[in-house]
Amino acid sequence: MKHYRRTNKNVLVDAYAFIYAVLFIVCGHAFGTLDWIGKKLVYLIDNSDFFAGCVWTAAAFSIWEYLTK
């Protein structure tokens, strides 16, 4: 079963179209996974005082290092 429409013009065009379609699907899943990880991270930050404290401490240290350069 073909998953893409052949152009019947050039093998290079067919290969480009196939690679583009595969990358489109794979990148879509990758961004979906990153979005899911981001949602979990936001949940941890909102519902964990310890984790939120660690994030604020890391941010403060980063700003201090940036300002003292």
Protein backbone atom coordinates (compact mmCIF):
# COMPACT_ATOMS: atom_id res chain seq x y z
CA MET A 1 0.00 0.00 0.00
CA LYS A 2 1.42 3.35 -1.04
CA HIS A 3 1.38 6.07 1.61
CA TYR A 4 2.33 8.90 -0.71
CA ARG A 5 1.35 9.97 -4.23
CA ARG A 6 4.01 9.32 -6.83
CA THR A 7 4.77 12.23 -9.11
CA ASN A 8 6.02 10.02 -11.98
CA LYS A 9 8.37 12.81 -12.98
CA ASN A 10 11.61 12.20 -11.17
CA VAL A 11 12.92 9.71 -8.65
CA LEU A 12 14.59 12.55 -6.75
CA VAL A 13 11.26 14.38 -6.37
CA ASP A 14 9.62 11.18 -5.12
CA ALA A 15 12.42 10.62 -2.60
CA TYR A 16 12.19 14.23 -1.37
CA ALA A 17 8.42 13.96 -0.94
CA PHE A 18 8.75 10.68 0.97
CA ILE A 19 11.51 11.99 3.25
CA TYR A 20 9.53 15.19 3.89
CA ALA A 21 6.44 13.17 4.85
CA VAL A 22 8.42 10.91 7.20
CA LEU A 23 10.12 13.86 8.89
CA PHE A 24 6.78 15.65 9.22
CA ILE A 25 5.30 12.68 11.09
CA VAL A 26 8.38 12.05 13.26
CA CYS A 27 8.79 15.73 14.19
CA GLY A 28 5.09 15.93 15.01
CA HIS A 29 5.47 13.08 17.48
CA ALA A 30 8.67 14.59 18.90
CA PHE A 31 6.98 17.95 19.51
CA GLY A 32 4.00 16.15 21.03
CA THR A 33 6.35 14.35 23.41
CA LEU A 34 8.10 17.61 24.35
CA ASP A 35 4.70 19.19 24.97
CA TRP A 36 3.74 16.28 27.26
CA ILE A 37 7.03 16.64 29.17
CA GLY A 38 6.38 20.37 29.52
CA LYS A 39 2.92 19.74 30.93
CA LYS A 40 4.37 17.33 33.50
CA LEU A 41 7.06 19.87 34.42
CA VAL A 42 4.44 22.60 34.91
CA TYR A 43 2.42 20.21 37.10
CA LEU A 44 5.52 19.51 39.22
CA ILE A 45 6.34 23.19 39.57
CA ASP A 46 2.77 24.11 40.51
CA ASN A 47 2.26 21.28 42.99
CA SER A 48 5.65 20.87 44.63
CA ASP A 49 7.07 23.53 46.91
CA PHE A 50 10.47 21.83 46.99
CA PHE A 51 10.74 21.68 43.20
CA ALA A 52 9.57 25.27 42.86
CA GLY A 53 12.19 26.30 45.42
CA CYS A 54 14.89 24.52 43.45
CA VAL A 55 13.82 26.29 40.25
CA TRP A 56 13.80 29.72 41.94
CA THR A 57 17.21 29.04 43.52
CA ALA A 58 18.70 27.97 40.19
CA ALA A 59 17.22 31.06 38.52
CA ALA A 60 18.63 33.34 41.24
CA PHE A 61 22.11 31.77 40.94
CA SER A 62 22.00 32.08 37.14
CA ILE A 63 21.05 35.75 37.34
CA TRP A 64 23.78 36.37 39.95
CA GLU A 65 26.41 34.73 37.75
CA TYR A 66 25.24 36.74 34.75
CA LEU A 67 25.37 40.02 36.69
CA THR A 68 28.82 39.38 38.19
CA LYS A 69 30.57 38.59 34.87
